[in-house]
């Protein structure tokens, strides 16, 4: 059984809600995450005729680009089309989900990249990159386990910078710690200071992957207590941004361009 929660998770992998603009209201607007999905109707806007079509086609999810609800509703009287759509959705047990500026801002598979693909644009890049979507992980690993930890972090989505993967930085140093009597240390003994040759490792990752990155770090790292730091970066993310700009394979007259 596929539920609305399953569908939402799949859609967020394509277009994370964290990438929507501040004014937007993308995501699940009407419906319970536990709802069993029977059919999905795609639409630009979730208007009354669209919901009626969904009902006739036995689709209990309307997936639209524009969200029908932008601001909070204070009443449901049917005097405004937004209220009528929500009432219609609730009456017929139809869920409403919107992929708006979060889908616009995704470089791979987003709205703008698909339009650019139709135009056969090359050397494609976002028109305006989105900041504050990248984080940096700094951690400390005994030298013999550095490669295993880096591999786990890479598989979780860390270390990708544009067209380069497995990007990291390391500095060698000495780690020092003293386990307590309640510890179960990988190295050392209780109440005895221990020094270990370690690598200080740094990797960049999409901020939305923080939970899975830390989980991968803990699973791959040999220490009982893993020391790490997280920093939100000001760097622009080359994979997230609004609009798209590129070049045509060859120069075209205006009339020929409009025929594409």
C-alpha atoms as a PDB file:
ATOM      1  CA  UNK A   1       0.000   0.000   0.000  1.00  0.00           C
ATOM      2  CA  UNK A   2       1.305   3.445  -0.960  1.00  0.00           C
ATOM      3  CA  UNK A   3       0.277   6.159   1.455  1.00  0.00           C
ATOM      4  CA  UNK A   4       0.362   9.908   1.138  1.00  0.00           C
ATOM      5  CA  UNK A   5       3.374   9.871   3.479  1.00  0.00           C
ATOM      6  CA  UNK A   6       5.257   7.616   1.014  1.00  0.00           C
ATOM      7  CA  UNK A   7       4.356   9.918  -1.868  1.00  0.00           C
ATOM      8  CA  UNK A   8       5.432  12.981   0.110  1.00  0.00           C
ATOM      9  CA  UNK A   9       8.819  11.408   0.903  1.00  0.00           C
ATOM     10  CA  UNK A  10       9.420  10.613  -2.768  1.00  0.00           C
ATOM     11  CA  UNK A  11       8.450  14.140  -3.833  1.00  0.00           C
ATOM     12  CA  UNK A  12      10.730  15.707  -1.237  1.00  0.00           C
ATOM     13  CA  UNK A  13      13.664  13.722  -2.610  1.00  0.00           C
ATOM     14  CA  UNK A  14      12.951  15.322  -5.976  1.00  0.00           C
ATOM     15  CA  UNK A  15      12.245  18.808  -4.628  1.00  0.00           C
ATOM     16  CA  UNK A  16      13.031  19.302  -0.911  1.00  0.00           C
ATOM     17  CA  UNK A  17      10.659  21.684   0.864  1.00  0.00           C
ATOM     18  CA  UNK A  18      13.693  23.465   2.330  1.00  0.00           C
ATOM     19  CA  UNK A  19      14.389  24.827  -1.164  1.00  0.00           C
ATOM     20  CA  UNK A  20      11.127  26.761  -1.476  1.00  0.00           C
ATOM     21  CA  UNK A  21      11.124  30.551  -1.267  1.00  0.00           C
ATOM     22  CA  UNK A  22      10.097  32.228   1.988  1.00  0.00           C
ATOM     23  CA  UNK A  23       6.771  33.428   0.608  1.00  0.00           C
ATOM     24  CA  UNK A  24       5.776  30.006  -0.710  1.00  0.00           C
ATOM     25  CA  UNK A  25       3.557  27.291   0.785  1.00  0.00           C
ATOM     26  CA  UNK A  26       4.577  24.105  -0.992  1.00  0.00           C
ATOM     27  CA  UNK A  27       4.045  20.603   0.366  1.00  0.00           C
ATOM     28  CA  UNK A  28       1.013  18.766   1.711  1.00  0.00           C
ATOM     29  CA  UNK A  29      -1.859  21.259   2.020  1.00  0.00           C
ATOM     30  CA  UNK A  30      -4.903  19.048   2.589  1.00  0.00           C
ATOM     31  CA  UNK A  31      -5.064  15.391   3.592  1.00  0.00           C
ATOM     32  CA  UNK A  32      -3.826  12.865   6.126  1.00  0.00           C
ATOM     33  CA  UNK A  33      -0.355  11.322   5.604  1.00  0.00           C
ATOM     34  CA  UNK A  34      -1.968   7.940   6.318  1.00  0.00           C
ATOM     35  CA  UNK A  35      -4.308   8.231   3.299  1.00  0.00           C
ATOM     36  CA  UNK A  36      -3.937   5.349   0.828  1.00  0.00           C
ATOM     37  CA  UNK A  37      -3.114   6.743  -2.612  1.00  0.00           C
ATOM     38  CA  UNK A  38      -5.487   5.408  -5.266  1.00  0.00           C
ATOM     39  CA  UNK A  39      -4.568   7.768  -8.093  1.00  0.00           C
ATOM     40  CA  UNK A  40      -2.768  11.061  -8.696  1.00  0.00           C
ATOM     41  CA  UNK A  41      -3.948  13.848 -10.987  1.00  0.00           C
ATOM     42  CA  UNK A  42      -1.351  16.390 -12.143  1.00  0.00           C
ATOM     43  CA  UNK A  43      -2.369  20.011 -12.645  1.00  0.00           C
ATOM     44  CA  UNK A  44      -0.944  23.500 -12.843  1.00  0.00           C
ATOM     45  CA  UNK A  45      -3.539  24.777 -10.344  1.00  0.00           C
ATOM     46  CA  UNK A  46      -5.840  22.874  -8.017  1.00  0.00           C
ATOM     47  CA  UNK A  47      -9.086  24.568  -9.049  1.00  0.00           C
ATOM     48  CA  UNK A  48     -12.675  23.328  -8.706  1.00  0.00           C
ATOM     49  CA  UNK A  49     -12.878  21.730 -12.198  1.00  0.00           C
ATOM     50  CA  UNK A  50      -9.597  19.922 -11.496  1.00  0.00           C
ATOM     51  CA  UNK A  51     -10.954  18.419  -8.282  1.00  0.00           C
ATOM     52  CA  UNK A  52     -14.106  17.331 -10.081  1.00  0.00           C
ATOM     53  CA  UNK A  53     -11.980  15.645 -12.746  1.00  0.00           C
ATOM     54  CA  UNK A  54      -9.969  13.921 -10.004  1.00  0.00           C
ATOM     55  CA  UNK A  55     -13.178  12.641  -8.403  1.00  0.00           C
ATOM     56  CA  UNK A  56     -14.484  11.302 -11.724  1.00  0.00           C
ATOM     57  CA  UNK A  57     -11.174   9.546 -12.453  1.00  0.00           C
ATOM     58  CA  UNK A  58     -10.963   8.095  -8.934  1.00  0.00           C
ATOM     59  CA  UNK A  59      -7.810  10.064  -8.143  1.00  0.00           C
ATOM     60  CA  UNK A  60      -7.664  10.981  -4.469  1.00  0.00           C
ATOM     61  CA  UNK A  61      -4.502  13.126  -4.773  1.00  0.00           C
ATOM     62  CA  UNK A  62      -4.156  16.319  -6.799  1.00  0.00           C
ATOM     63  CA  UNK A  63      -0.518  17.231  -7.341  1.00  0.00           C
ATOM     64  CA  UNK A  64      -0.307  20.829  -8.524  1.00  0.00           C
ATOM     65  CA  UNK A  65       2.500  23.260  -9.247  1.00  0.00           C
ATOM     66  CA  UNK A  66       0.884  26.277  -7.605  1.00  0.00           C
ATOM     67  CA  UNK A  67      -0.380  25.898  -4.014  1.00  0.00           C
ATOM     68  CA  UNK A  68      -4.053  26.731  -3.623  1.00  0.00           C
ATOM     69  CA  UNK A  69      -3.351  28.010  -0.096  1.00  0.00           C
ATOM     70  CA  UNK A  70      -0.751  30.749   0.262  1.00  0.00           C
ATOM     71  CA  UNK A  71      -1.951  32.324   3.495  1.00  0.00           C
ATOM     72  CA  UNK A  72      -3.843  30.980   6.479  1.00  0.00           C
ATOM     73  CA  UNK A  73      -7.573  30.373   6.045  1.00  0.00           C
ATOM     74  CA  UNK A  74      -9.728  31.952   8.764  1.00  0.00           C
ATOM     75  CA  UNK A  75     -13.031  30.514   7.608  1.00  0.00           C
ATOM     76  CA  UNK A  76     -14.591  27.958   5.262  1.00  0.00           C
ATOM     77  CA  UNK A  77     -17.799  29.504   3.977  1.00  0.00           C
ATOM     78  CA  UNK A  78     -17.360  28.934   0.254  1.00  0.00           C
ATOM     79  CA  UNK A  79     -17.390  32.649  -0.597  1.00  0.00           C
ATOM     80  CA  UNK A  80     -13.886  32.467  -2.092  1.00  0.00           C
ATOM     81  CA  UNK A  81     -12.607  29.911  -4.595  1.00  0.00           C
ATOM     82  CA  UNK A  82      -9.801  28.872  -2.241  1.00  0.00           C
ATOM     83  CA  UNK A  83     -12.343  28.029   0.446  1.00  0.00           C
ATOM     84  CA  UNK A  84     -14.491  26.134  -2.052  1.00  0.00           C
ATOM     85  CA  UNK A  85     -11.554  24.052  -3.264  1.00  0.00           C
ATOM     86  CA  UNK A  86     -10.553  23.096   0.284  1.00  0.00           C
ATOM     87  CA  UNK A  87     -14.164  22.243   1.143  1.00  0.00           C
ATOM     88  CA  UNK A  88     -14.482  20.181  -2.027  1.00  0.00           C
ATOM     89  CA  UNK A  89     -11.246  18.347  -1.243  1.00  0.00           C
ATOM     90  CA  UNK A  90     -12.335  17.553   2.302  1.00  0.00           C
ATOM     91  CA  UNK A  91     -15.807  16.431   1.218  1.00  0.00           C
ATOM     92  CA  UNK A  92     -14.414  14.004  -1.387  1.00  0.00           C
ATOM     93  CA  UNK A  93     -11.387  12.903   0.667  1.00  0.00           C
ATOM     94  CA  UNK A  94      -8.959  14.286  -1.917  1.00  0.00           C
ATOM     95  CA  UNK A  95      -5.479  15.314  -0.805  1.00  0.00           C
ATOM     96  CA  UNK A  96      -3.815  18.443  -2.173  1.00  0.00           C
ATOM     97  CA  UNK A  97      -0.052  18.632  -2.600  1.00  0.00           C
ATOM     98  CA  UNK A  98       1.950  21.413  -4.280  1.00  0.00           C
ATOM     99  CA  UNK A  99       5.468  21.481  -5.747  1.00  0.00           C
ATOM    100  CA  UNK A 100       6.140  25.126  -6.447  1.00  0.00           C
ATOM    101  CA  UNK A 101       9.338  27.146  -5.964  1.00  0.00           C
ATOM    102  CA  UNK A 102      11.088  24.131  -4.450  1.00  0.00           C
ATOM    103  CA  UNK A 103      10.658  22.415  -7.847  1.00  0.00           C
ATOM    104  CA  UNK A 104      11.661  25.656  -9.602  1.00  0.00           C
ATOM    105  CA  UNK A 105      14.884  25.837  -7.575  1.00  0.00           C
ATOM    106  CA  UNK A 106      16.123  22.290  -8.206  1.00  0.00           C
ATOM    107  CA  UNK A 107      18.800  22.272 -10.892  1.00  0.00           C
ATOM    108  CA  UNK A 108      18.463  18.601 -11.874  1.00  0.00           C
ATOM    109  CA  UNK A 109      14.916  17.648 -12.895  1.00  0.00           C
ATOM    110  CA  UNK A 110      13.352  20.953 -11.895  1.00  0.00           C
ATOM    111  CA  UNK A 111      10.966  23.129 -13.894  1.00  0.00           C
ATOM    112  CA  UNK A 112      13.628  25.440 -15.316  1.00  0.00           C
ATOM    113  CA  UNK A 113      16.002  22.635 -16.256  1.00  0.00           C
ATOM    114  CA  UNK A 114      13.188  20.872 -18.125  1.00  0.00           C
ATOM    115  CA  UNK A 115      12.323  24.043 -20.043  1.00  0.00           C
ATOM    116  CA  UNK A 116      16.004  24.507 -20.864  1.00  0.00           C
ATOM    117  CA  UNK A 117      16.145  20.882 -22.004  1.00  0.00           C
ATOM    118  CA  UNK A 118      13.257  21.492 -24.406  1.00  0.00           C
ATOM    119  CA  UNK A 119      15.189  24.460 -25.794  1.00  0.00           C
ATOM    120  CA  UNK A 120      18.345  22.315 -26.107  1.00  0.00           C
ATOM    121  CA  UNK A 121      20.338  24.825 -24.051  1.00  0.00           C
ATOM    122  CA  UNK A 122      23.925  23.898 -23.247  1.00  0.00           C
ATOM    123  CA  UNK A 123      26.290  24.837 -20.401  1.00  0.00           C
ATOM    124  CA  UNK A 124      23.257  25.250 -18.184  1.00  0.00           C
ATOM    125  CA  UNK A 125      23.502  27.031 -14.835  1.00  0.00           C
ATOM    126  CA  UNK A 126      21.029  28.644 -12.408  1.00  0.00           C
ATOM    127  CA  UNK A 127      20.255  32.302 -12.979  1.00  0.00           C
ATOM    128  CA  UNK A 128      20.419  33.020  -9.238  1.00  0.00           C
ATOM    129  CA  UNK A 129      22.050  30.565  -6.861  1.00  0.00           C
ATOM    130  CA  UNK A 130      20.484  29.930  -3.460  1.00  0.00           C
ATOM    131  CA  UNK A 131      22.666  30.474  -0.360  1.00  0.00           C
ATOM    132  CA  UNK A 132      22.439  28.809   3.077  1.00  0.00           C
ATOM    133  CA  UNK A 133      21.739  25.318   1.724  1.00  0.00           C
ATOM    134  CA  UNK A 134      25.187  23.849   2.416  1.00  0.00           C
ATOM    135  CA  UNK A 135      26.817  22.709   5.662  1.00  0.00           C
ATOM    136  CA  UNK A 136      30.315  21.565   6.634  1.00  0.00           C
ATOM    137  CA  UNK A 137      31.098  18.591   8.849  1.00  0.00           C
ATOM    138  CA  UNK A 138      34.383  18.503  10.763  1.00  0.00           C
ATOM    139  CA  UNK A 139      35.268  15.302  12.584  1.00  0.00           C
ATOM    140  CA  UNK A 140      38.305  13.477  13.986  1.00  0.00           C
ATOM    141  CA  UNK A 141      39.106   9.896  12.959  1.00  0.00           C
ATOM    142  CA  UNK A 142      41.919   7.491  13.870  1.00  0.00           C
ATOM    143  CA  UNK A 143      44.115   7.214  10.776  1.00  0.00           C
ATOM    144  CA  UNK A 144      43.323   3.567  10.033  1.00  0.00           C
ATOM    145  CA  UNK A 145      39.593   4.334   9.748  1.00  0.00           C
ATOM    146  CA  UNK A 146      39.664   7.579   7.760  1.00  0.00           C
ATOM    147  CA  UNK A 147      38.950   6.004   4.369  1.00  0.00           C
ATOM    148  CA  UNK A 148      36.041   3.932   5.725  1.00  0.00           C
ATOM    149  CA  UNK A 149      34.471   7.006   7.323  1.00  0.00           C
ATOM    150  CA  UNK A 150      34.927   9.086   4.162  1.00  0.00           C
ATOM    151  CA  UNK A 151      33.360   6.347   2.049  1.00  0.00           C
ATOM    152  CA  UNK A 152      30.331   6.182   4.345  1.00  0.00           C
ATOM    153  CA  UNK A 153      29.943   9.968   4.286  1.00  0.00           C
ATOM    154  CA  UNK A 154      30.216   9.994   0.494  1.00  0.00           C
ATOM    155  CA  UNK A 155      27.538   7.323   0.148  1.00  0.00           C
ATOM    156  CA  UNK A 156      25.286   9.430   2.391  1.00  0.00           C
ATOM    157  CA  UNK A 157      25.690  12.448   0.103  1.00  0.00           C
ATOM    158  CA  UNK A 158      28.681  14.371   1.439  1.00  0.00           C
ATOM    159  CA  UNK A 159      31.661  15.604  -0.548  1.00  0.00           C
ATOM    160  CA  UNK A 160      29.887  16.617  -3.760  1.00  0.00           C
ATOM    161  CA  UNK A 161      30.927  20.013  -5.146  1.00  0.00           C
ATOM    162  CA  UNK A 162      29.512  20.690  -8.606  1.00  0.00           C
ATOM    163  CA  UNK A 163      30.898  18.072 -10.993  1.00  0.00           C
ATOM    164  CA  UNK A 164      33.390  16.754  -8.418  1.00  0.00           C
ATOM    165  CA  UNK A 165      32.643  14.008  -5.884  1.00  0.00           C
ATOM    166  CA  UNK A 166      34.577  12.542  -2.933  1.00  0.00           C
ATOM    167  CA  UNK A 167      35.788  16.041  -2.016  1.00  0.00           C
ATOM    168  CA  UNK A 168      37.342  16.296   1.449  1.00  0.00           C
ATOM    169  CA  UNK A 169      40.178  17.872   3.391  1.00  0.00           C
ATOM    170  CA  UNK A 170      42.278  16.302   6.144  1.00  0.00           C
ATOM    171  CA  UNK A 171      44.993  17.383   8.565  1.00  0.00           C
ATOM    172  CA  UNK A 172      46.934  15.007  10.784  1.00  0.00           C
ATOM    173  CA  UNK A 173      47.132  15.588  14.513  1.00  0.00           C
ATOM    174  CA  UNK A 174      47.044  14.003  17.963  1.00  0.00           C
ATOM    175  CA  UNK A 175      43.775  13.237  19.722  1.00  0.00           C
ATOM    176  CA  UNK A 176      43.804  12.996  23.517  1.00  0.00           C
ATOM    177  CA  UNK A 177      41.134  11.668  25.889  1.00  0.00           C
ATOM    178  CA  UNK A 178      40.637   9.919  29.229  1.00  0.00           C
ATOM    179  CA  UNK A 179      37.787   7.347  29.490  1.00  0.00           C
ATOM    180  CA  UNK A 180      35.640   7.231  32.618  1.00  0.00           C
ATOM    181  CA  UNK A 181      34.786   4.060  34.505  1.00  0.00           C
ATOM    182  CA  UNK A 182      31.433   3.955  32.685  1.00  0.00           C
ATOM    183  CA  UNK A 183      32.940   4.191  29.194  1.00  0.00           C
ATOM    184  CA  UNK A 184      33.451   1.359  26.743  1.00  0.00           C
ATOM    185  CA  UNK A 185      36.440   2.794  24.860  1.00  0.00           C
ATOM    186  CA  UNK A 186      37.579   1.551  21.461  1.00  0.00           C
ATOM    187  CA  UNK A 187      41.089   2.520  22.563  1.00  0.00           C
ATOM    188  CA  UNK A 188      42.510   3.038  26.031  1.00  0.00           C
ATOM    189  CA  UNK A 189      41.500   2.158  29.599  1.00  0.00           C
ATOM    190  CA  UNK A 190      39.402   3.848  32.265  1.00  0.00           C
ATOM    191  CA  UNK A 191      41.085   6.793  33.991  1.00  0.00           C
ATOM    192  CA  UNK A 192      44.182   6.444  31.802  1.00  0.00           C
ATOM    193  CA  UNK A 193      44.999   9.341  29.417  1.00  0.00           C
ATOM    194  CA  UNK A 194      45.254   8.137  25.818  1.00  0.00           C
ATOM    195  CA  UNK A 195      46.791   9.770  22.742  1.00  0.00           C
ATOM    196  CA  UNK A 196      45.962   8.652  19.199  1.00  0.00           C
ATOM    197  CA  UNK A 197      47.169   9.770  15.760  1.00  0.00           C
ATOM    198  CA  UNK A 198      44.013  11.106  14.093  1.00  0.00           C
ATOM    199  CA  UNK A 199      42.916  12.847  10.897  1.00  0.00           C
ATOM    200  CA  UNK A 200      40.860  16.001  11.145  1.00  0.00           C
ATOM    201  CA  UNK A 201      38.415  15.492   8.257  1.00  0.00           C
ATOM    202  CA  UNK A 202      36.196  18.152   6.665  1.00  0.00           C
ATOM    203  CA  UNK A 203      33.442  17.593   4.082  1.00  0.00           C
ATOM    204  CA  UNK A 204      30.686  19.757   2.596  1.00  0.00           C
ATOM    205  CA  UNK A 205      27.144  18.425   2.219  1.00  0.00           C
ATOM    206  CA  UNK A 206      23.606  19.661   1.436  1.00  0.00           C
ATOM    207  CA  UNK A 207      22.119  20.887   4.720  1.00  0.00           C
ATOM    208  CA  UNK A 208      18.936  18.867   4.152  1.00  0.00           C
ATOM    209  CA  UNK A 209      21.020  15.668   4.483  1.00  0.00           C
ATOM    210  CA  UNK A 210      22.301  16.489   7.972  1.00  0.00           C
ATOM    211  CA  UNK A 211      20.442  13.677   9.762  1.00  0.00           C
ATOM    212  CA  UNK A 212      21.597  10.957   7.348  1.00  0.00           C
ATOM    213  CA  UNK A 213      25.158  12.333   7.271  1.00  0.00           C
ATOM    214  CA  UNK A 214      25.474  12.191  11.064  1.00  0.00           C
ATOM    215  CA  UNK A 215      23.931   8.717  11.119  1.00  0.00           C
ATOM    216  CA  UNK A 216      26.482   7.521   8.557  1.00  0.00           C
ATOM    217  CA  UNK A 217      29.305   9.096  10.573  1.00  0.00           C
ATOM    218  CA  UNK A 218      28.256   7.357  13.785  1.00  0.00           C
ATOM    219  CA  UNK A 219      27.890   3.993  12.077  1.00  0.00           C
ATOM    220  CA  UNK A 220      31.284   4.115  10.348  1.00  0.00           C
ATOM    221  CA  UNK A 221      33.310   5.740  13.140  1.00  0.00           C
ATOM    222  CA  UNK A 222      34.967   3.312  15.584  1.00  0.00           C
ATOM    223  CA  UNK A 223      34.693   5.551  18.672  1.00  0.00           C
ATOM    224  CA  UNK A 224      31.955   5.200  21.265  1.00  0.00           C
ATOM    225  CA  UNK A 225      31.644   8.992  21.425  1.00  0.00           C
ATOM    226  CA  UNK A 226      32.213  10.732  18.084  1.00  0.00           C
ATOM    227  CA  UNK A 227      33.545  14.292  18.177  1.00  0.00           C
ATOM    228  CA  UNK A 228      32.300  16.488  15.342  1.00  0.00           C
ATOM    229  CA  UNK A 229      31.288  20.046  14.468  1.00  0.00           C
ATOM    230  CA  UNK A 230      28.609  21.310  12.085  1.00  0.00           C
ATOM    231  CA  UNK A 231      28.750  24.717  10.404  1.00  0.00           C
ATOM    232  CA  UNK A 232      26.112  26.258   8.154  1.00  0.00           C
ATOM    233  CA  UNK A 233      27.910  27.823   5.195  1.00  0.00           C
ATOM    234  CA  UNK A 234      27.342  31.073   3.357  1.00  0.00           C
ATOM    235  CA  UNK A 235      28.490  29.406   0.122  1.00  0.00           C
ATOM    236  CA  UNK A 236      26.018  29.310  -2.740  1.00  0.00           C
ATOM    237  CA  UNK A 237      24.918  25.844  -3.768  1.00  0.00           C
ATOM    238  CA  UNK A 238      25.585  25.213  -7.496  1.00  0.00           C
ATOM    239  CA  UNK A 239      22.766  22.630  -7.514  1.00  0.00           C
ATOM    240  CA  UNK A 240      20.049  24.929  -6.132  1.00  0.00           C
ATOM    241  CA  UNK A 241      18.854  28.189  -7.628  1.00  0.00           C
ATOM    242  CA  UNK A 242      16.055  29.941  -9.450  1.00  0.00           C
ATOM    243  CA  UNK A 243      15.884  30.346 -13.201  1.00  0.00           C
ATOM    244  CA  UNK A 244      18.260  28.869 -15.756  1.00  0.00           C
ATOM    245  CA  UNK A 245      20.669  30.317 -18.270  1.00  0.00           C
ATOM    246  CA  UNK A 246      22.582  28.599 -21.050  1.00  0.00           C
ATOM    247  CA  UNK A 247      23.582  28.817 -24.686  1.00  0.00           C
ATOM    248  CA  UNK A 248      21.949  27.450 -27.824  1.00  0.00           C
ATOM    249  CA  UNK A 249      23.903  24.933 -29.928  1.00  0.00           C
ATOM    250  CA  UNK A 250      23.939  27.530 -32.704  1.00  0.00           C
ATOM    251  CA  UNK A 251      22.728  31.059 -33.276  1.00  0.00           C
ATOM    252  CA  UNK A 252      19.077  31.394 -34.352  1.00  0.00           C
ATOM    253  CA  UNK A 253      16.978  34.182 -35.762  1.00  0.00           C
ATOM    254  CA  UNK A 254      14.168  35.273 -33.454  1.00  0.00           C
ATOM    255  CA  UNK A 255      11.453  33.708 -35.632  1.00  0.00           C
ATOM    256  CA  UNK A 256      13.291  30.354 -35.687  1.00  0.00           C
ATOM    257  CA  UNK A 257      13.748  30.441 -31.914  1.00  0.00           C
ATOM    258  CA  UNK A 258      10.025  30.849 -31.318  1.00  0.00           C
ATOM    259  CA  UNK A 259       9.370  27.758 -33.422  1.00  0.00           C
ATOM    260  CA  UNK A 260      11.416  25.512 -31.146  1.00  0.00           C
END
